[in-house]
Amino acid sequence: MKSRLMPPARGRSNDPRSQPEQANHERRFGGSPALAVLTALALCSPAMGQISFEEAPINYHTAPVNDPISRLQKKLDAGEVTLRHDPRFGYLKSLLQLLDVPASAQALVFSKTSFQLKRISPRSPRALYFNDDVYLGWVRGGDVMEVSAVDPNLGVNFYTLSQRESAEPKFVRQTDTCLQCHGSSLTRGVPGHIVRSVYPAPDGQLILSAGTFLTDHTSPLKERWGGWYVTGSHGAQRHLGNLLVREADDPQRLDTDKGANITDLATRFETASYLTPHSDIVALMVLEHQTSMHNRITQANFRTRLALRDQDVMNEMLERPADYRSESTKRRVASAAERVVQYMLFGGEVRLTDPIQGTSLFAREFAARGPRDSQGRSLREFDLKSRLFRYPCSYLIYSEAFDGLPEVVKDAIYRRLWEVLTGQDKSDEFAHLSSEDRTAIREILRDTKRGLPDYWKRA
């Protein structure tokens, strides 16, 4: 997954360290969410605050890999499953089925933000598909499929899969090239994903001088989805999707009405050449939240493991007990946990001013995946009137990545969640949560989340 960094849009800070959560900075700098390896790698941001994940204890390049793709490859090698090749779609259909990735999650990118950029344009967009742990990028007529998967210990692993029919299909893991951007300050210093909004020219080329936005659930809609197709209704709210910028246009004065509330893309490209005719707005909103949530979980994992490594060294040097934890170590772990909790509870989420409705089955299929509590409630239920989810706590709390966190930081996250959800913490960071929200989320988690501390169950 590789992307090129743009100059900042006018009037925004260049310093990613100027704000604790870097929200404004991150919306202006970023990369493709689809494993893109672009031609101008020199334009990528330097990795400020880079985490040393290539060394112990992370060992990104040499540690055993355990993600859905590595597990699938083992099954393929053992003959337990088969990847079926399709003349039109290569291995796409079969791979979606084997990995349980819904076709309704299709999101279409027409900006040239992939190393297969020669095959990508507004008339031939790249298709992305995802579930909670896997992301697939498919280009019509492309040589390879671009794949990434979340590993509980390593963050995101990147792969390519040849689209040529083979008796023994092989996923090839990509490391160094992808990590120049997808393991940098753009991804919070860890191997991760980035969802970017750009100003695209009529051929899909990026207009470098106009700037870019790195987007998540804190981003105003008016900054989102430049270079993407977007299908769905969203009322008077506007975004940058479905738009092309001609050379004479001022990107800051685009007529965003032209790209608004589009429900049919048939006049823009040959939709019959794709698995579905949709690029669902709800799927795009979930994709933005999910990629950034994964990055924060990985960051907490890495920072905690590094803090514990440093503590072990100091304990040995100072002849202290092996389980001794200094105040410095405790602060490092608490800081890592806090970043997860704030984003997990949708801190800073932009409020919707009009209802959102997609065009595909994505919302229904996503919500149906549960799990549900004794009252039938789920963290995957959508609101789409004033916010993304009805119960604002990330469903990725059920993920392998979250469960794989070191116990010390996972315990800190659970403690902070408990303090917020019981109303002990009523600070401004969580003022968006009503007392009803807090109670509902606490009850849902108590019924559905394995491994909760005993004090959750006794209350």
Protein backbone atom coordinates (compact mmCIF):
# COMPACT_ATOMS: atom_id res chain seq x y z
CA MET A 1 0.00 0.00 0.00
CA LYS A 2 1.82 3.05 -1.09
CA SER A 3 0.85 6.62 -1.57
CA ARG A 4 2.30 10.01 -2.32
CA LEU A 5 2.19 12.93 0.02
CA MET A 6 0.67 16.16 -1.22
CA PRO A 7 1.52 19.71 -0.27
CA PRO A 8 -0.79 20.96 2.47
CA ALA A 9 -3.95 22.75 1.48
CA ARG A 10 -3.87 26.45 2.09
CA GLY A 11 -4.18 27.77 5.63
CA ARG A 12 -3.32 24.61 7.56
CA SER A 13 -0.39 23.67 9.77
CA ASN A 14 2.59 21.73 8.45
CA ASP A 15 3.54 20.46 11.90
CA PRO A 16 2.01 17.09 12.82
CA ARG A 17 3.13 17.61 16.41
CA SER A 18 1.28 20.88 16.89
CA GLN A 19 -1.86 19.18 18.30
CA PRO A 20 -1.98 16.10 20.55
CA GLU A 21 -4.26 14.08 18.35
CA GLN A 22 -3.08 15.69 15.09
CA ALA A 23 -6.67 15.82 13.85
CA ASN A 24 -6.39 18.90 11.67
CA HIS A 25 -2.96 17.98 10.40
CA GLU A 26 -3.96 14.45 9.51
CA ARG A 27 -6.88 15.57 7.42
CA ARG A 28 -4.45 17.45 5.21
CA PHE A 29 -1.81 14.78 4.73
CA GLY A 30 -2.34 11.19 3.78
CA GLY A 31 -2.44 8.35 1.34
CA SER A 32 -4.50 5.83 -0.51
CA PRO A 33 -6.43 3.20 1.45
CA ALA A 34 -5.83 0.56 -1.19
CA LEU A 35 -2.23 -0.58 -1.09
CA ALA A 36 -1.18 2.05 -3.65
CA VAL A 37 2.47 2.22 -4.66
CA LEU A 38 2.83 5.53 -6.46
CA THR A 39 5.55 6.84 -8.69
CA ALA A 40 6.54 9.86 -6.60
CA LEU A 41 7.66 8.18 -3.39
CA ALA A 42 10.03 11.05 -2.72
CA LEU A 43 7.00 13.17 -1.89
CA CYS A 44 6.08 10.97 1.07
CA SER A 45 6.27 12.53 4.49
CA PRO A 46 9.27 11.73 6.68
CA ALA A 47 8.35 9.43 9.53
CA MET A 48 8.29 11.90 12.41
CA GLY A 49 7.91 10.04 15.70
CA GLN A 50 8.55 6.79 13.87
CA ILE A 51 8.14 3.67 16.00
CA SER A 52 11.04 1.22 15.68
CA PHE A 53 8.90 -1.68 14.49
CA GLU A 54 11.68 -3.24 12.40
CA GLU A 55 13.61 -4.05 15.59
CA ALA A 56 12.87 -6.05 18.73
CA PRO A 57 10.38 -6.59 20.21
CA ILE A 58 8.19 -5.98 17.10
CA ASN A 59 10.49 -7.45 14.41
CA TYR A 60 8.08 -6.61 11.60
CA HIS A 61 10.17 -8.21 8.85
CA THR A 62 11.20 -11.39 10.62
CA ALA A 63 8.52 -12.29 13.19
CA PRO A 64 6.02 -15.04 12.33
CA VAL A 65 3.04 -13.73 10.38
CA ASN A 66 -0.47 -14.53 11.59
CA ASP A 67 -3.22 -12.82 9.62
CA PRO A 68 -6.17 -13.98 7.48
CA ILE A 69 -4.02 -14.05 4.32
CA SER A 70 -1.17 -16.09 5.80
CA ARG A 71 -3.73 -18.53 7.19
CA LEU A 72 -5.48 -18.76 3.82
CA GLN A 73 -2.17 -19.42 2.05
CA LYS A 74 -1.50 -22.35 4.39
CA LYS A 75 -4.90 -23.80 3.51
CA LEU A 76 -4.23 -23.32 -0.21
CA ASP A 77 -0.84 -25.02 0.09
CA ALA A 78 -2.40 -27.94 1.99
CA GLY A 79 -5.16 -28.34 -0.60
CA GLU A 80 -7.86 -27.65 1.96
CA VAL A 81 -9.40 -24.85 -0.13
CA THR A 82 -9.18 -23.72 -3.75
CA LEU A 83 -9.03 -20.28 -5.34
CA ARG A 84 -11.17 -20.29 -8.48
CA HIS A 85 -10.17 -18.08 -11.39
CA ASP A 86 -12.72 -16.06 -13.34
CA PRO A 87 -11.97 -14.76 -16.87
CA ARG A 88 -13.33 -11.28 -16.02
CA PHE A 89 -12.52 -10.85 -12.35
CA GLY A 90 -9.48 -13.07 -11.86
CA TYR A 91 -9.44 -14.41 -8.29
CA LEU A 92 -11.62 -11.61 -6.89
CA LYS A 93 -14.93 -13.46 -6.50
CA SER A 94 -13.36 -16.55 -5.01
CA LEU A 95 -11.19 -14.55 -2.64
CA LEU A 96 -14.15 -12.53 -1.36
CA GLN A 97 -15.97 -15.77 -0.62
CA LEU A 98 -13.06 -17.47 1.14
CA LEU A 99 -12.32 -14.41 3.30
CA ASP A 100 -15.98 -13.57 3.99
CA VAL A 101 -15.66 -10.10 2.48
CA PRO A 102 -19.01 -8.74 1.24
CA ALA A 103 -19.28 -7.43 -2.32
CA SER A 104 -21.61 -4.75 -0.91
CA ALA A 105 -18.54 -3.14 0.70
CA GLN A 106 -17.34 -2.09 -2.76
CA ALA A 107 -15.83 1.40 -2.82
CA LEU A 108 -14.58 2.86 -6.09
CA VAL A 109 -11.49 5.07 -6.41
CA PHE A 110 -10.77 6.78 -9.74
CA SER A 111 -7.75 8.83 -8.72
CA LYS A 112 -4.39 7.44 -9.83
CA THR A 113 -3.26 6.38 -6.36
CA SER A 114 -2.12 2.83 -7.06
CA PHE A 115 1.02 1.42 -8.66
CA GLN A 116 -1.36 0.14 -11.37
CA LEU A 117 -2.20 3.77 -12.13
CA LYS A 118 -2.04 3.32 -15.93
CA ARG A 119 -5.19 1.20 -15.74
CA ILE A 120 -7.06 3.57 -13.40
CA SER A 121 -9.16 6.55 -14.48
CA PRO A 122 -12.66 7.95 -14.00
CA ARG A 123 -13.76 5.54 -16.73
CA SER A 124 -12.02 2.61 -15.04
CA PRO A 125 -11.97 3.04 -11.24
CA ARG A 126 -10.20 0.75 -8.80
CA ALA A 127 -12.54 -1.30 -6.61
CA LEU A 128 -11.91 -1.80 -2.87
CA TYR A 129 -13.55 -4.41 -0.67
CA PHE A 130 -13.14 -4.94 3.07
CA ASN A 131 -14.32 -6.68 6.19
CA ASP A 132 -13.13 -6.15 9.75
CA ASP A 133 -9.63 -7.54 9.11
CA VAL A 134 -8.94 -7.67 5.35
CA TYR A 135 -8.78 -5.14 2.50
CA LEU A 136 -8.73 -6.03 -1.22
CA GLY A 137 -7.92 -3.73 -4.14
CA TRP A 138 -8.96 -4.87 -7.63
CA VAL A 139 -8.14 -3.08 -10.89
CA ARG A 140 -9.94 -4.04 -14.08
CA GLY A 141 -7.39 -5.75 -16.31
CA GLY A 142 -4.74 -5.37 -13.61
CA ASP A 143 -1.74 -7.67 -13.27
CA VAL A 144 -2.18 -8.24 -9.55
CA MET A 145 -4.71 -7.89 -6.79
CA GLU A 146 -3.60 -5.65 -3.92
CA VAL A 147 -4.33 -7.15 -0.50
CA SER A 148 -3.72 -6.17 3.10
CA ALA A 149 -4.60 -7.92 6.34
CA VAL A 150 -4.37 -6.99 10.01
CA ASP A 151 -2.00 -9.04 12.16
CA PRO A 152 -2.53 -8.76 15.96
CA ASN A 153 1.24 -8.54 16.54
CA LEU A 154 2.53 -6.78 13.41
CA GLY A 155 -0.17 -4.34 12.38
CA VAL A 156 -0.99 -4.44 8.67
CA ASN A 157 0.73 -6.87 6.31
CA PHE A 158 0.68 -6.06 2.59
CA TYR A 159 0.44 -8.59 -0.23
CA THR A 160 -0.01 -8.92 -3.97
CA LEU A 161 -1.70 -11.82 -5.76
CA SER A 162 -1.12 -12.37 -9.47
CA GLN A 163 -4.32 -12.28 -11.48
CA ARG A 164 -2.99 -14.83 -13.96
CA GLU A 165 -4.55 -18.25 -13.56
CA SER A 166 -2.22 -20.59 -11.70
CA ALA A 167 -2.40 -24.10 -10.31
CA GLU A 168 -0.75 -22.79 -7.15
CA PRO A 169 -1.80 -19.17 -6.42
CA LYS A 170 0.66 -17.40 -4.12
CA PHE A 171 0.27 -14.26 -2.02
CA VAL A 172 3.54 -12.32 -2.04
CA ARG A 173 4.18 -10.24 1.06
CA GLN A 174 5.37 -6.68 0.37
CA THR A 175 7.36 -4.82 3.02
CA ASP A 176 9.94 -2.10 2.40
CA THR A 177 8.35 -0.24 -0.52
CA CYS A 178 4.88 -0.05 1.00
CA LEU A 179 6.16 1.00 4.39
CA GLN A 180 7.76 4.19 3.07
CA CYS A 181 4.31 5.74 3.46
CA HIS A 182 2.23 3.04 5.12
CA GLY A 183 4.55 2.79 8.09
CA SER A 184 5.13 6.48 8.72
CA SER A 185 3.63 9.51 10.46
CA LEU A 186 0.74 9.17 8.00
CA THR A 187 -0.26 5.95 9.79
CA ARG A 188 0.68 7.03 13.31
CA GLY A 189 4.15 5.51 12.92
CA VAL A 190 2.95 1.91 12.47
CA PRO A 191 2.24 -0.36 9.48
CA GLY A 192 -1.29 0.75 8.66
CA HIS A 193 -3.85 2.21 6.28
CA ILE A 194 -4.67 5.73 5.20
CA VAL A 195 -7.82 7.03 3.55
CA ARG A 196 -7.19 10.14 1.50
CA SER A 197 -9.32 12.71 -0.28
CA VAL A 198 -7.71 14.50 -3.24
CA TYR A 199 -8.46 16.87 -6.09
CA PRO A 200 -8.43 14.74 -9.27
CA ALA A 201 -7.89 15.96 -12.83
CA PRO A 202 -10.18 14.62 -15.61
CA ASP A 203 -7.78 11.72 -16.26
CA GLY A 204 -7.56 10.84 -12.55
CA GLN A 205 -4.14 12.41 -11.99
CA LEU A 206 -3.76 14.16 -8.65
CA ILE A 207 -3.49 17.95 -8.65
CA LEU A 208 -0.54 18.27 -6.31
CA SER A 209 -0.81 22.00 -5.79
CA ALA A 210 -4.37 21.77 -4.42
CA GLY A 211 -3.52 19.75 -1.32
CA THR A 212 -5.08 16.65 0.18
CA PHE A 213 -7.09 15.49 3.18
CA LEU A 214 -6.46 12.47 5.38
CA THR A 215 -9.94 11.50 6.53
CA ASP A 216 -11.63 9.63 9.37
CA HIS A 217 -14.81 10.06 11.40
CA THR A 218 -13.61 13.45 12.69
CA SER A 219 -13.39 14.93 9.16
CA PRO A 220 -16.06 17.33 7.88
CA LEU A 221 -17.95 15.80 4.97
CA LYS A 222 -16.91 18.72 2.79
CA GLU A 223 -13.32 17.39 2.91
CA ARG A 224 -14.09 13.75 2.16
CA TRP A 225 -13.94 11.45 -0.88
CA GLY A 226 -12.16 13.55 -3.47
CA GLY A 227 -11.10 11.07 -6.16
CA TRP A 228 -13.77 8.57 -5.11
CA TYR A 229 -17.16 7.70 -6.51
CA VAL A 230 -19.90 8.05 -3.89
CA THR A 231 -23.43 6.69 -4.21
CA GLY A 232 -26.12 7.61 -1.72
CA SER A 233 -28.19 10.47 -0.41
CA HIS A 234 -26.98 12.97 2.19
CA GLY A 235 -29.30 15.96 1.93
CA ALA A 236 -27.75 19.43 1.97
CA GLN A 237 -24.38 18.12 3.17
CA ARG A 238 -21.65 18.25 0.52
CA HIS A 239 -18.48 16.29 -0.17
CA LEU A 240 -15.74 16.13 -2.83
CA GLY A 241 -16.77 12.78 -4.32
CA ASN A 242 -17.79 12.27 -7.96
CA LEU A 243 -16.00 15.48 -9.02
CA LEU A 244 -13.23 16.23 -11.54
CA VAL A 245 -11.10 19.36 -11.42
CA ARG A 246 -10.19 20.93 -14.72
CA GLU A 247 -7.00 22.90 -15.07
CA ALA A 248 -8.76 26.26 -15.10
CA ASP A 249 -10.88 25.45 -12.04
CA ASP A 250 -10.06 26.68 -8.58
CA PRO A 251 -10.27 23.53 -6.42
CA GLN A 252 -11.32 25.63 -3.45
CA ARG A 253 -14.38 26.86 -5.37
CA LEU A 254 -15.64 23.60 -6.80
CA ASP A 255 -19.35 23.27 -7.48
CA THR A 256 -19.88 20.38 -5.09
CA ASP A 257 -23.58 20.26 -5.95
CA LYS A 258 -22.60 18.37 -9.11
CA GLY A 259 -21.33 15.44 -7.09
CA ALA A 260 -24.05 15.42 -4.46
CA ASN A 261 -26.74 12.79 -3.84
CA ILE A 262 -25.69 10.60 -6.76
CA THR A 263 -27.39 7.20 -6.79
CA ASP A 264 -26.47 5.94 -10.27
CA LEU A 265 -22.97 5.88 -11.78
CA ALA A 266 -23.90 4.31 -15.13
CA THR A 267 -23.23 7.50 -17.11
CA ARG A 268 -19.72 7.84 -15.66
CA PHE A 269 -18.27 4.40 -16.44
CA GLU A 270 -19.30 0.88 -17.38
CA THR A 271 -20.77 -0.29 -14.09
CA ALA A 272 -21.53 -3.76 -15.51
CA SER A 273 -17.77 -4.44 -15.47
CA TYR A 274 -17.80 -4.43 -11.65
CA LEU A 275 -19.34 -6.74 -9.08
CA THR A 276 -21.90 -4.11 -8.12
CA PRO A 277 -22.84 -0.67 -9.51
CA HIS A 278 -22.34 0.97 -6.11
CA SER A 279 -19.73 2.93 -4.18
CA ASP A 280 -21.87 3.17 -1.08
CA ILE A 281 -21.51 6.26 1.13
CA VAL A 282 -22.13 4.21 4.28
CA ALA A 283 -19.39 1.75 3.34
CA LEU A 284 -17.03 4.67 2.78
CA MET A 285 -17.80 6.12 6.22
CA VAL A 286 -17.19 2.76 7.87
CA LEU A 287 -13.93 2.33 5.94
CA GLU A 288 -12.69 5.69 7.20
CA HIS A 289 -13.47 4.90 10.82
CA GLN A 290 -12.10 1.37 10.65
CA THR A 291 -8.71 2.10 9.09
CA SER A 292 -7.92 4.77 11.65
CA MET A 293 -9.16 2.59 14.53
CA HIS A 294 -6.88 -0.22 13.41
CA ASN A 295 -3.93 2.18 13.32
CA ARG A 296 -4.60 3.32 16.88
CA ILE A 297 -4.87 -0.24 18.16
CA THR A 298 -1.57 -1.13 16.49
CA GLN A 299 0.07 2.02 17.85
CA ALA A 300 -1.04 1.12 21.39
CA ASN A 301 0.32 -2.40 20.89
CA PHE A 302 3.72 -1.24 19.68
CA ARG A 303 4.14 1.59 22.19
CA THR A 304 3.29 -0.70 25.07
CA ARG A 305 5.66 -3.45 23.98
CA LEU A 306 8.45 -0.92 23.55
CA ALA A 307 7.73 0.57 26.98
CA LEU A 308 7.87 -2.87 28.58
CA ARG A 309 11.10 -3.68 26.75
CA ASP A 310 12.68 -0.48 28.04
CA GLN A 311 11.43 -1.24 31.54
CA ASP A 312 12.97 -4.72 31.44
CA VAL A 313 16.32 -3.23 30.48
CA MET A 314 16.16 -0.70 33.32
CA ASN A 315 15.06 -3.33 35.84
CA GLU A 316 18.05 -5.49 34.95
CA MET A 317 20.47 -2.56 35.10
CA LEU A 318 19.15 -1.37 38.45
CA GLU A 319 18.67 -4.89 39.86
CA ARG A 320 14.98 -4.33 40.47
CA PRO A 321 12.27 -7.04 40.47
CA ALA A 322 11.34 -8.17 36.96
CA ASP A 323 7.73 -7.03 37.40
CA TYR A 324 8.62 -3.53 38.62
CA ARG A 325 6.84 -0.74 36.70
CA SER A 326 8.16 2.80 36.91
CA GLU A 327 5.91 5.85 36.79
CA SER A 328 7.34 6.62 33.36
CA THR A 329 6.31 3.21 32.05
CA LYS A 330 2.85 3.55 33.56
CA ARG A 331 2.42 6.94 31.87
CA ARG A 332 3.49 5.54 28.49
CA VAL A 333 0.97 2.73 28.75
CA ALA A 334 -1.79 5.06 29.97
CA SER A 335 -1.13 7.45 27.09
CA ALA A 336 -1.35 4.61 24.55
CA ALA A 337 -4.63 3.43 26.10
CA GLU A 338 -6.16 6.90 26.14
CA ARG A 339 -5.69 7.39 22.40
CA VAL A 340 -7.55 4.16 21.74
CA VAL A 341 -10.39 4.98 24.13
CA GLN A 342 -11.02 8.47 22.78
CA TYR A 343 -11.26 7.28 19.18
CA MET A 344 -13.08 4.05 20.07
CA LEU A 345 -15.84 6.13 21.72
CA PHE A 346 -16.00 8.38 18.64
CA GLY A 347 -14.45 11.42 20.24
CA GLY A 348 -14.47 14.36 17.84
CA GLU A 349 -16.93 12.70 15.46
CA VAL A 350 -18.45 15.20 13.04
CA ARG A 351 -22.18 15.53 13.53
CA LEU A 352 -24.42 14.85 10.57
CA THR A 353 -26.90 17.57 9.71
CA ASP A 354 -29.03 15.48 7.34
CA PRO A 355 -29.76 11.74 7.17
CA ILE A 356 -27.38 9.48 5.24
CA GLN A 357 -28.63 6.60 3.12
CA GLY A 358 -26.58 4.25 0.96
CA THR A 359 -27.58 2.55 -2.27
CA SER A 360 -26.45 -1.03 -1.63
CA LEU A 361 -27.10 -3.78 0.90
CA PHE A 362 -23.98 -2.82 2.84
CA ALA A 363 -25.67 -1.22 5.87
CA ARG A 364 -28.03 -4.16 6.34
CA GLU A 365 -25.34 -6.81 5.87
CA PHE A 366 -22.84 -5.03 8.10
CA ALA A 367 -25.33 -4.64 10.95
CA ALA A 368 -26.43 -8.27 10.67
CA ARG A 369 -22.97 -9.50 11.65
CA GLY A 370 -23.67 -8.70 15.33
CA PRO A 371 -23.01 -9.77 18.06
CA ARG A 372 -26.13 -8.71 19.98
CA ASP A 373 -26.86 -8.38 23.66
CA SER A 374 -29.82 -9.79 25.60
CA GLN A 375 -31.95 -6.86 24.39
CA GLY A 376 -31.01 -7.38 20.75
CA ARG A 377 -28.66 -4.37 20.58
CA SER A 378 -25.38 -4.31 18.66
CA LEU A 379 -22.42 -1.94 18.26
CA ARG A 380 -22.84 -2.48 14.51
CA GLU A 381 -26.25 -0.79 14.38
CA PHE A 382 -26.25 2.44 12.38
CA ASP A 383 -27.76 5.78 13.29
CA LEU A 384 -26.98 7.78 10.09
CA LYS A 385 -29.12 10.71 11.24
CA SER A 386 -26.80 12.65 13.52
CA ARG A 387 -23.82 10.26 13.71
CA LEU A 388 -22.51 7.05 12.16
CA PHE A 389 -23.50 4.46 14.77
CA ARG A 390 -26.44 4.26 17.14
CA TYR A 391 -24.16 3.20 19.99
CA PRO A 392 -20.87 5.08 19.55
CA CYS A 393 -18.28 2.49 20.52
CA SER A 394 -16.16 0.86 17.82
CA TYR A 395 -17.08 -2.70 16.85
CA LEU A 396 -13.33 -3.33 16.47
CA ILE A 397 -13.27 -3.97 20.20
CA TYR A 398 -14.22 -7.51 19.08
CA SER A 399 -11.30 -7.76 16.63
CA GLU A 400 -8.27 -10.03 16.80
CA ALA A 401 -6.11 -6.92 16.84
CA PHE A 402 -7.76 -5.64 20.01
CA ASP A 403 -7.72 -9.04 21.71
CA GLY A 404 -4.02 -9.32 20.84
CA LEU A 405 -3.05 -6.18 22.76
CA PRO A 406 -0.62 -6.66 25.65
CA GLU A 407 -2.64 -7.31 28.79
CA VAL A 408 -1.32 -4.24 30.60
CA VAL A 409 -2.63 -1.80 27.98
CA LYS A 410 -5.82 -3.77 27.42
CA ASP A 411 -6.51 -3.56 31.14
CA ALA A 412 -5.89 0.20 31.01
CA ILE A 413 -8.34 0.54 28.11
CA TYR A 414 -11.00 -1.44 29.95
CA ARG A 415 -10.51 0.69 33.07
CA ARG A 416 -10.85 3.93 31.12
CA LEU A 417 -13.89 2.64 29.27
CA TRP A 418 -15.45 1.74 32.60
CA GLU A 419 -14.75 5.18 34.05
CA VAL A 420 -16.34 6.89 31.04
CA LEU A 421 -19.29 4.54 30.62
CA THR A 422 -20.23 4.65 34.31
CA GLY A 423 -20.12 8.45 34.32
CA GLN A 424 -17.08 8.73 36.60
CA ASP A 425 -15.31 10.61 33.82
CA LYS A 426 -17.47 13.48 32.57
CA SER A 427 -14.66 15.41 30.88
CA ASP A 428 -15.17 17.39 27.68
CA GLU A 429 -13.53 14.67 25.57
CA PHE A 430 -16.56 12.47 26.22
CA ALA A 431 -19.29 15.10 26.47
CA HIS A 432 -20.81 13.79 23.22
CA LEU A 433 -21.92 10.66 25.08
CA SER A 434 -25.29 10.99 26.79
CA SER A 435 -26.04 9.03 29.95
CA GLU A 436 -28.24 6.77 27.81
CA ASP A 437 -25.35 6.18 25.39
CA ARG A 438 -23.00 5.25 28.22
CA THR A 439 -25.44 2.85 29.83
CA ALA A 440 -26.33 1.15 26.55
CA ILE A 441 -22.69 0.67 25.48
CA ARG A 442 -21.75 -0.66 28.91
CA GLU A 443 -24.62 -3.17 28.85
CA ILE A 444 -23.88 -4.28 25.29
CA LEU A 445 -20.23 -4.89 26.09
CA ARG A 446 -21.05 -6.73 29.31
CA ASP A 447 -23.25 -9.15 27.35
CA THR A 448 -21.12 -9.57 24.22
CA LYS A 449 -17.42 -8.94 24.92
CA ARG A 450 -15.38 -11.85 26.17
CA GLY A 451 -12.53 -11.24 28.56
CA LEU A 452 -13.93 -8.23 30.39
CA PRO A 453 -12.50 -7.68 33.88
CA ASP A 454 -14.57 -9.01 36.79
CA TYR A 455 -15.59 -5.53 37.95
CA TRP A 456 -17.57 -5.12 34.70
CA LYS A 457 -19.58 -8.23 35.47
CA ARG A 458 -20.25 -7.49 39.13
CA ALA A 459 -21.66 -4.00 38.59
